[in-house]
Amino acid sequence: MWMTKSSIHPMVKAYLGILLQIVISTAIFEVMDALGVQRADIYPRVSTHIEDIIAMISTLIEKGYAYELDGDVYYSVDKFEHYGELSGRTLDDMEAGARIEVDGRKKKILWTLHYGNLQNQVNHIGKSPWGNGRPGWHIECSAMSQKVLRYRI
């Protein structure tokens, strides 16, 4: 009998996920060392910064830069007048559907409950005021950078 995703015990799935992270991390460091890339002093992990991420999202909501919709939290890109300057693009220039479903709203995900099928994925990271889910990539980097570098973004 073949094992399916649903037949594997959740603890085994979690262990395999951690083991895979260790293997990938080790391989990345080996390649970086071979290339002569200097290692960083700190390698923050999202799973240890969930409270910081939630606090940052909450602040963005309080200040009107983010909003909750259908169980997810989005960054209101139209509220930040300099959005797109670094890439040299405007909101109107950005291709509809390239990063989000086409629905007429210009937004970036900050916290999602709808990351695939969370019940069957290890990618579900934690609880939040908006429900169980995971943060979006950009907010992860922002919160960890602010915490680790002690620089207010």
N, C-alpha and C. Protein backbone atom coordinates (compact mmCIF):
# COMPACT_ATOMS: atom_id res chain seq x y z
N MET A 1 0.84 -1.19 0.00
CA MET A 1 0.00 0.00 0.00
C MET A 1 0.88 1.25 0.00
N TRP A 2 0.63 2.17 -0.91
CA TRP A 2 1.37 3.42 -0.99
C TRP A 2 0.90 4.38 0.09
N MET A 3 1.82 5.12 0.66
CA MET A 3 1.45 6.13 1.65
C MET A 3 1.01 7.39 0.92
N THR A 4 -0.03 8.00 1.40
CA THR A 4 -0.49 9.26 0.84
C THR A 4 -0.23 10.35 1.86
N LYS A 5 -0.33 11.60 1.40
CA LYS A 5 -0.12 12.73 2.31
C LYS A 5 -1.03 12.64 3.53
N SER A 6 -2.27 12.23 3.31
CA SER A 6 -3.23 12.19 4.41
C SER A 6 -2.99 11.01 5.35
N SER A 7 -2.24 9.98 4.91
CA SER A 7 -2.02 8.82 5.77
C SER A 7 -0.80 8.98 6.67
N ILE A 8 -0.01 10.04 6.46
CA ILE A 8 1.17 10.26 7.28
C ILE A 8 0.77 11.04 8.54
N HIS A 9 1.21 10.56 9.69
CA HIS A 9 0.91 11.20 10.96
C HIS A 9 1.45 12.63 10.95
N PRO A 10 0.70 13.60 11.50
CA PRO A 10 1.16 15.00 11.51
C PRO A 10 2.53 15.21 12.13
N MET A 11 2.87 14.45 13.17
CA MET A 11 4.19 14.59 13.80
C MET A 11 5.29 14.13 12.85
N VAL A 12 5.02 13.09 12.08
CA VAL A 12 6.00 12.61 11.10
C VAL A 12 6.19 13.66 10.02
N LYS A 13 5.08 14.27 9.57
CA LYS A 13 5.16 15.34 8.57
C LYS A 13 6.00 16.50 9.09
N ALA A 14 5.77 16.88 10.34
CA ALA A 14 6.52 17.99 10.93
C ALA A 14 8.00 17.64 11.02
N TYR A 15 8.30 16.42 11.46
CA TYR A 15 9.69 15.98 11.57
C TYR A 15 10.36 15.98 10.20
N LEU A 16 9.68 15.48 9.19
CA LEU A 16 10.24 15.45 7.83
C LEU A 16 10.46 16.87 7.30
N GLY A 17 9.56 17.78 7.65
CA GLY A 17 9.72 19.17 7.24
C GLY A 17 10.95 19.79 7.86
N ILE A 18 11.17 19.53 9.15
CA ILE A 18 12.35 20.05 9.85
C ILE A 18 13.62 19.42 9.28
N LEU A 19 13.59 18.12 9.05
CA LEU A 19 14.75 17.42 8.49
C LEU A 19 15.10 17.99 7.11
N LEU A 20 14.10 18.25 6.29
CA LEU A 20 14.32 18.83 4.97
C LEU A 20 14.94 20.22 5.08
N GLN A 21 14.47 21.01 6.03
CA GLN A 21 15.05 22.35 6.24
C GLN A 21 16.52 22.25 6.62
N ILE A 22 16.86 21.29 7.46
CA ILE A 22 18.26 21.12 7.88
C ILE A 22 19.12 20.72 6.68
N VAL A 23 18.64 19.78 5.89
CA VAL A 23 19.39 19.32 4.72
C VAL A 23 19.60 20.46 3.74
N ILE A 24 18.54 21.22 3.46
CA ILE A 24 18.65 22.34 2.53
C ILE A 24 19.58 23.40 3.08
N SER A 25 19.45 23.75 4.35
CA SER A 25 20.32 24.75 4.97
C SER A 25 21.78 24.32 4.89
N THR A 26 22.05 23.06 5.19
CA THR A 26 23.42 22.55 5.14
C THR A 26 23.97 22.65 3.73
N ALA A 27 23.18 22.27 2.74
CA ALA A 27 23.62 22.33 1.35
C ALA A 27 23.89 23.78 0.92
N ILE A 28 23.03 24.69 1.33
CA ILE A 28 23.22 26.10 0.99
C ILE A 28 24.52 26.62 1.58
N PHE A 29 24.78 26.30 2.84
CA PHE A 29 26.02 26.76 3.48
C PHE A 29 27.25 26.15 2.80
N GLU A 30 27.16 24.89 2.40
CA GLU A 30 28.29 24.26 1.71
C GLU A 30 28.60 24.98 0.39
N VAL A 31 27.56 25.33 -0.35
CA VAL A 31 27.76 26.04 -1.62
C VAL A 31 28.30 27.44 -1.36
N MET A 32 27.73 28.13 -0.36
CA MET A 32 28.21 29.48 -0.03
C MET A 32 29.68 29.45 0.39
N ASP A 33 30.05 28.47 1.20
CA ASP A 33 31.45 28.34 1.64
C ASP A 33 32.35 28.08 0.44
N ALA A 34 31.92 27.21 -0.47
CA ALA A 34 32.72 26.90 -1.66
C ALA A 34 32.91 28.12 -2.55
N LEU A 35 31.92 29.01 -2.55
CA LEU A 35 32.01 30.23 -3.35
C LEU A 35 32.74 31.35 -2.62
N GLY A 36 33.07 31.13 -1.35
CA GLY A 36 33.77 32.14 -0.58
C GLY A 36 32.87 33.25 -0.07
N VAL A 37 31.57 32.97 0.04
CA VAL A 37 30.62 33.96 0.54
C VAL A 37 30.74 34.01 2.07
N GLN A 38 30.92 35.21 2.59
CA GLN A 38 31.04 35.39 4.04
C GLN A 38 29.69 35.12 4.69
N ARG A 39 29.70 34.37 5.77
CA ARG A 39 28.46 34.05 6.47
C ARG A 39 27.98 35.24 7.30
N ALA A 40 26.67 35.32 7.44
CA ALA A 40 26.05 36.36 8.27
C ALA A 40 26.24 36.01 9.74
N ASP A 41 26.06 36.99 10.60
CA ASP A 41 26.15 36.75 12.04
C ASP A 41 24.89 36.10 12.58
N ILE A 42 23.76 36.38 11.96
CA ILE A 42 22.46 35.90 12.45
C ILE A 42 21.65 35.39 11.27
N TYR A 43 20.94 34.29 11.48
CA TYR A 43 20.02 33.73 10.49
C TYR A 43 18.65 33.59 11.15
N PRO A 44 17.86 34.66 11.12
CA PRO A 44 16.56 34.60 11.79
C PRO A 44 15.60 33.63 11.09
N ARG A 45 14.71 33.05 11.88
CA ARG A 45 13.71 32.12 11.35
C ARG A 45 12.33 32.71 11.61
N VAL A 46 11.50 32.64 10.61
CA VAL A 46 10.15 33.19 10.70
C VAL A 46 9.40 32.61 11.90
N SER A 47 9.54 31.33 12.12
CA SER A 47 8.79 30.68 13.20
C SER A 47 9.11 31.25 14.58
N THR A 48 10.25 31.89 14.74
CA THR A 48 10.59 32.48 16.03
C THR A 48 10.24 33.97 16.09
N HIS A 49 9.66 34.50 15.03
CA HIS A 49 9.32 35.92 14.99
C HIS A 49 7.84 36.18 14.68
N ILE A 50 6.99 35.19 14.91
CA ILE A 50 5.57 35.35 14.63
C ILE A 50 4.96 36.50 15.42
N GLU A 51 5.32 36.64 16.68
CA GLU A 51 4.77 37.75 17.50
C GLU A 51 5.18 39.10 16.94
N ASP A 52 6.43 39.22 16.47
CA ASP A 52 6.90 40.48 15.87
C ASP A 52 6.14 40.79 14.58
N ILE A 53 5.89 39.76 13.79
CA ILE A 53 5.17 39.92 12.53
C ILE A 53 3.73 40.37 12.79
N ILE A 54 3.09 39.71 13.75
CA ILE A 54 1.71 40.06 14.10
C ILE A 54 1.65 41.49 14.62
N ALA A 55 2.62 41.88 15.44
CA ALA A 55 2.65 43.25 15.96
C ALA A 55 2.80 44.27 14.83
N MET A 56 3.66 43.97 13.86
CA MET A 56 3.86 44.88 12.74
C MET A 56 2.59 45.00 11.89
N ILE A 57 1.95 43.86 11.63
CA ILE A 57 0.70 43.88 10.85
C ILE A 57 -0.36 44.67 11.61
N SER A 58 -0.47 44.45 12.91
CA SER A 58 -1.47 45.17 13.72
C SER A 58 -1.24 46.67 13.66
N THR A 59 0.01 47.10 13.72
CA THR A 59 0.34 48.53 13.62
C THR A 59 -0.07 49.07 12.25
N LEU A 60 0.20 48.32 11.19
CA LEU A 60 -0.18 48.75 9.85
C LEU A 60 -1.70 48.89 9.72
N ILE A 61 -2.44 47.97 10.34
CA ILE A 61 -3.91 48.06 10.31
C ILE A 61 -4.36 49.31 11.07
N GLU A 62 -3.81 49.50 12.28
CA GLU A 62 -4.18 50.67 13.10
C GLU A 62 -3.91 51.98 12.38
N LYS A 63 -2.85 52.05 11.60
CA LYS A 63 -2.48 53.28 10.90
C LYS A 63 -3.15 53.41 9.54
N GLY A 64 -3.98 52.42 9.17
CA GLY A 64 -4.71 52.49 7.91
C GLY A 64 -3.94 52.04 6.68
N TYR A 65 -2.79 51.40 6.88
CA TYR A 65 -1.99 50.91 5.75
C TYR A 65 -2.30 49.47 5.39
N ALA A 66 -3.13 48.82 6.17
CA ALA A 66 -3.49 47.42 5.90
C ALA A 66 -4.94 47.21 6.29
N TYR A 67 -5.53 46.16 5.74
CA TYR A 67 -6.93 45.87 6.03
C TYR A 67 -7.17 44.37 5.92
N GLU A 68 -8.19 43.93 6.64
CA GLU A 68 -8.59 42.52 6.63
C GLU A 68 -9.69 42.33 5.61
N LEU A 69 -9.62 41.23 4.85
CA LEU A 69 -10.62 40.92 3.84
C LEU A 69 -10.70 39.41 3.67
N ASP A 70 -11.87 38.86 3.89
CA ASP A 70 -12.09 37.42 3.71
C ASP A 70 -11.09 36.56 4.49
N GLY A 71 -10.73 36.98 5.71
CA GLY A 71 -9.83 36.20 6.56
C GLY A 71 -8.36 36.44 6.32
N ASP A 72 -8.00 37.22 5.31
CA ASP A 72 -6.61 37.55 5.04
C ASP A 72 -6.38 39.01 5.38
N VAL A 73 -5.12 39.40 5.52
CA VAL A 73 -4.77 40.80 5.76
C VAL A 73 -3.91 41.26 4.61
N TYR A 74 -4.24 42.43 4.06
CA TYR A 74 -3.54 42.97 2.90
C TYR A 74 -2.95 44.33 3.20
N TYR A 75 -1.83 44.62 2.54
CA TYR A 75 -1.20 45.94 2.59
C TYR A 75 -1.86 46.81 1.52
N SER A 76 -2.28 48.00 1.89
CA SER A 76 -2.92 48.92 0.95
C SER A 76 -1.83 49.68 0.20
N VAL A 77 -1.41 49.14 -0.94
CA VAL A 77 -0.30 49.74 -1.67
C VAL A 77 -0.61 51.16 -2.12
N ASP A 78 -1.88 51.47 -2.34
CA ASP A 78 -2.25 52.81 -2.78
C ASP A 78 -2.12 53.86 -1.68
N LYS A 79 -1.97 53.42 -0.42
CA LYS A 79 -1.81 54.36 0.70
C LYS A 79 -0.37 54.84 0.85
N PHE A 80 0.58 54.17 0.20
CA PHE A 80 1.99 54.54 0.31
C PHE A 80 2.41 55.20 -0.99
N GLU A 81 2.58 56.52 -0.95
CA GLU A 81 2.79 57.28 -2.17
C GLU A 81 4.07 56.89 -2.91
N HIS A 82 5.05 56.32 -2.22
CA HIS A 82 6.31 55.96 -2.86
C HIS A 82 6.36 54.51 -3.32
N TYR A 83 5.23 53.80 -3.22
CA TYR A 83 5.21 52.39 -3.59
C TYR A 83 5.61 52.23 -5.07
N GLY A 84 6.56 51.37 -5.33
CA GLY A 84 7.01 51.10 -6.69
C GLY A 84 8.21 51.92 -7.13
N GLU A 85 8.62 52.92 -6.34
CA GLU A 85 9.75 53.77 -6.73
C GLU A 85 11.04 52.97 -6.86
N LEU A 86 11.29 52.05 -5.96
CA LEU A 86 12.51 51.28 -6.00
C LEU A 86 12.61 50.46 -7.29
N SER A 87 11.49 49.91 -7.72
CA SER A 87 11.49 49.10 -8.95
C SER A 87 11.28 49.95 -10.20
N GLY A 88 10.93 51.23 -10.00
CA GLY A 88 10.69 52.10 -11.14
C GLY A 88 9.34 51.86 -11.81
N ARG A 89 8.42 51.26 -11.08
CA ARG A 89 7.11 50.93 -11.64
C ARG A 89 6.02 51.68 -10.87
N THR A 90 4.93 51.94 -11.54
CA THR A 90 3.77 52.53 -10.89
C THR A 90 2.72 51.44 -10.70
N LEU A 91 1.74 51.72 -9.86
CA LEU A 91 0.66 50.74 -9.65
C LEU A 91 -0.04 50.42 -10.96
N ASP A 92 -0.26 51.43 -11.79
CA ASP A 92 -0.94 51.22 -13.06
C ASP A 92 -0.13 50.37 -14.02
N ASP A 93 1.21 50.45 -13.90
CA ASP A 93 2.09 49.68 -14.79
C ASP A 93 2.18 48.21 -14.40
N MET A 94 1.91 47.91 -13.14
CA MET A 94 2.08 46.54 -12.67
C MET A 94 1.06 45.63 -13.32
N GLU A 95 1.55 44.51 -13.81
CA GLU A 95 0.72 43.57 -14.55
C GLU A 95 -0.31 42.91 -13.66
N ALA A 96 -1.58 43.03 -14.03
CA ALA A 96 -2.65 42.40 -13.26
C ALA A 96 -2.50 40.89 -13.32
N GLY A 97 -2.59 40.26 -12.15
CA GLY A 97 -2.56 38.81 -12.09
C GLY A 97 -1.18 38.20 -11.96
N ALA A 98 -0.12 39.02 -12.02
CA ALA A 98 1.23 38.48 -11.94
C ALA A 98 1.52 37.92 -10.54
N ARG A 99 1.04 38.58 -9.48
CA ARG A 99 1.31 38.14 -8.12
C ARG A 99 0.04 37.83 -7.34
N ILE A 100 -1.11 38.35 -7.81
CA ILE A 100 -2.37 38.16 -7.11
C ILE A 100 -3.45 37.81 -8.11
N GLU A 101 -4.56 37.29 -7.62
CA GLU A 101 -5.69 37.04 -8.49
C GLU A 101 -6.25 38.37 -8.97
N VAL A 102 -6.70 38.38 -10.22
CA VAL A 102 -7.26 39.61 -10.76
C VAL A 102 -8.64 39.84 -10.16
N ASP A 103 -8.77 40.90 -9.38
CA ASP A 103 -10.07 41.24 -8.80
C ASP A 103 -10.22 42.74 -8.67
N GLY A 104 -9.34 43.51 -9.31
CA GLY A 104 -9.46 44.95 -9.30
C GLY A 104 -8.84 45.64 -8.10
N ARG A 105 -8.36 44.88 -7.12
CA ARG A 105 -7.76 45.49 -5.94
C ARG A 105 -6.24 45.39 -6.04
N LYS A 106 -5.56 46.50 -5.80
CA LYS A 106 -4.09 46.50 -5.77
C LYS A 106 -3.70 46.23 -4.33
N LYS A 107 -3.07 45.08 -4.06
CA LYS A 107 -2.77 44.72 -2.68
C LYS A 107 -1.62 43.74 -2.60
N LYS A 108 -1.04 43.65 -1.45
CA LYS A 108 0.00 42.67 -1.15
C LYS A 108 -0.42 41.97 0.13
N ILE A 109 -0.25 40.64 0.15
CA ILE A 109 -0.70 39.84 1.29
C ILE A 109 0.25 40.02 2.48
N LEU A 110 -0.31 40.22 3.67
CA LEU A 110 0.48 40.31 4.90
C LEU A 110 0.28 39.07 5.76
N TRP A 111 -0.94 38.55 5.80
CA TRP A 111 -1.25 37.33 6.56
C TRP A 111 -2.34 36.60 5.82
N THR A 112 -2.18 35.31 5.64
CA THR A 112 -3.19 34.57 4.90
C THR A 112 -3.63 33.31 5.63
N LEU A 113 -4.91 33.08 5.51
CA LEU A 113 -5.50 31.82 5.99
C LEU A 113 -5.64 30.86 4.82
N HIS A 114 -5.44 31.36 3.63
CA HIS A 114 -5.74 30.61 2.41
C HIS A 114 -4.49 30.23 1.64
N TYR A 115 -3.44 29.80 2.33
CA TYR A 115 -2.20 29.39 1.67
C TYR A 115 -2.37 27.94 1.25
N GLY A 116 -2.91 27.74 0.07
CA GLY A 116 -3.20 26.38 -0.36
C GLY A 116 -4.22 25.77 0.58
N ASN A 117 -4.05 24.52 0.92
CA ASN A 117 -4.91 23.84 1.87
C ASN A 117 -4.14 23.71 3.18
N LEU A 118 -4.30 24.66 4.08
CA LEU A 118 -3.51 24.71 5.31
C LEU A 118 -3.64 23.47 6.17
N GLN A 119 -4.78 22.82 6.11
CA GLN A 119 -4.96 21.64 6.95
C GLN A 119 -3.98 20.53 6.56
N ASN A 120 -3.50 20.54 5.31
CA ASN A 120 -2.63 19.47 4.84
C ASN A 120 -1.20 19.94 4.58
N GLN A 121 -0.83 21.11 5.08
CA GLN A 121 0.50 21.62 4.80
C GLN A 121 1.23 21.98 6.08
N VAL A 122 2.54 21.82 6.05
CA VAL A 122 3.38 22.23 7.16
C VAL A 122 3.53 23.75 7.13
N ASN A 123 3.17 24.40 6.02
CA ASN A 123 3.34 25.83 5.84
C ASN A 123 2.46 26.67 6.76
N HIS A 124 1.54 26.07 7.46
CA HIS A 124 0.71 26.78 8.43
C HIS A 124 1.60 27.06 9.64
N ILE A 125 1.85 28.34 9.90
CA ILE A 125 2.85 28.69 10.91
C ILE A 125 2.27 29.01 12.27
N GLY A 126 1.19 29.76 12.34
CA GLY A 126 0.76 30.12 13.67
C GLY A 126 -0.60 30.77 13.77
N LYS A 127 -0.96 31.06 15.02
CA LYS A 127 -2.23 31.71 15.32
C LYS A 127 -2.02 33.22 15.29
N SER A 128 -3.08 33.92 14.93
CA SER A 128 -3.04 35.37 14.90
C SER A 128 -4.42 35.91 15.26
N PRO A 129 -4.56 37.21 15.42
CA PRO A 129 -5.88 37.78 15.67
C PRO A 129 -6.83 37.54 14.49
N TRP A 130 -6.28 37.17 13.33
CA TRP A 130 -7.08 36.97 12.11
C TRP A 130 -7.32 35.51 11.82
N GLY A 131 -6.81 34.63 12.67
CA GLY A 131 -6.99 33.20 12.50
C GLY A 131 -5.66 32.50 12.29
N ASN A 132 -5.69 31.17 12.20
CA ASN A 132 -4.48 30.40 11.95
C ASN A 132 -4.07 30.62 10.50
N GLY A 133 -2.78 30.75 10.27
CA GLY A 133 -2.32 30.97 8.92
C GLY A 133 -0.83 31.17 8.88
N ARG A 134 -0.39 32.00 7.93
CA ARG A 134 1.03 32.30 7.79
C ARG A 134 1.20 33.70 7.24
N PRO A 135 2.33 34.33 7.57
CA PRO A 135 2.58 35.67 7.05
C PRO A 135 3.04 35.62 5.60
N GLY A 136 2.87 36.73 4.92
CA GLY A 136 3.42 36.87 3.57
C GLY A 136 4.92 37.11 3.65
N TRP A 137 5.63 36.85 2.55
CA TRP A 137 7.09 36.92 2.56
C TRP A 137 7.63 38.30 2.90
N HIS A 138 7.06 39.36 2.34
CA HIS A 138 7.63 40.69 2.55
C HIS A 138 7.48 41.15 4.00
N ILE A 139 6.37 40.84 4.63
CA ILE A 139 6.18 41.25 6.02
C ILE A 139 7.11 40.44 6.93
N GLU A 140 7.38 39.19 6.58
CA GLU A 140 8.34 38.39 7.35
C GLU A 140 9.69 39.09 7.38
N CYS A 141 10.18 39.47 6.21
CA CYS A 141 11.49 40.12 6.10
C CYS A 141 11.50 41.46 6.84
N SER A 142 10.44 42.23 6.71
CA SER A 142 10.37 43.53 7.37
C SER A 142 10.42 43.39 8.88
N ALA A 143 9.62 42.50 9.43
CA ALA A 143 9.57 42.34 10.89
C ALA A 143 10.87 41.77 11.43
N MET A 144 11.43 40.77 10.75
CA MET A 144 12.69 40.18 11.25
C MET A 144 13.83 41.18 11.13
N SER A 145 13.89 41.94 10.05
CA SER A 145 14.95 42.95 9.88
C SER A 145 14.86 43.99 10.97
N GLN A 146 13.64 44.45 11.23
CA GLN A 146 13.47 45.47 12.28
C GLN A 146 13.91 44.94 13.63
N LYS A 147 13.56 43.72 13.94
CA LYS A 147 13.90 43.13 15.24
C LYS A 147 15.40 42.85 15.36
N VAL A 148 15.97 42.21 14.35
CA VAL A 148 17.37 41.78 14.41
C VAL A 148 18.33 42.97 14.27
N LEU A 149 18.02 43.88 13.34
CA LEU A 149 18.92 45.00 13.08
C LEU A 149 18.62 46.19 13.99
N ARG A 150 17.51 46.10 14.72
CA ARG A 150 17.07 47.17 15.61
C ARG A 150 16.92 48.50 14.88
N TYR A 151 16.39 48.39 13.67
CA TYR A 151 16.16 49.57 12.83
C TYR A 151 14.67 49.69 12.56
N ARG A 152 14.12 50.84 12.84
CA ARG A 152 12.70 51.04 12.65
C ARG A 152 12.38 51.28 11.18
N ILE A 153 11.54 50.44 10.63
CA ILE A 153 11.17 50.54 9.22
C ILE A 153 9.96 51.44 9.08
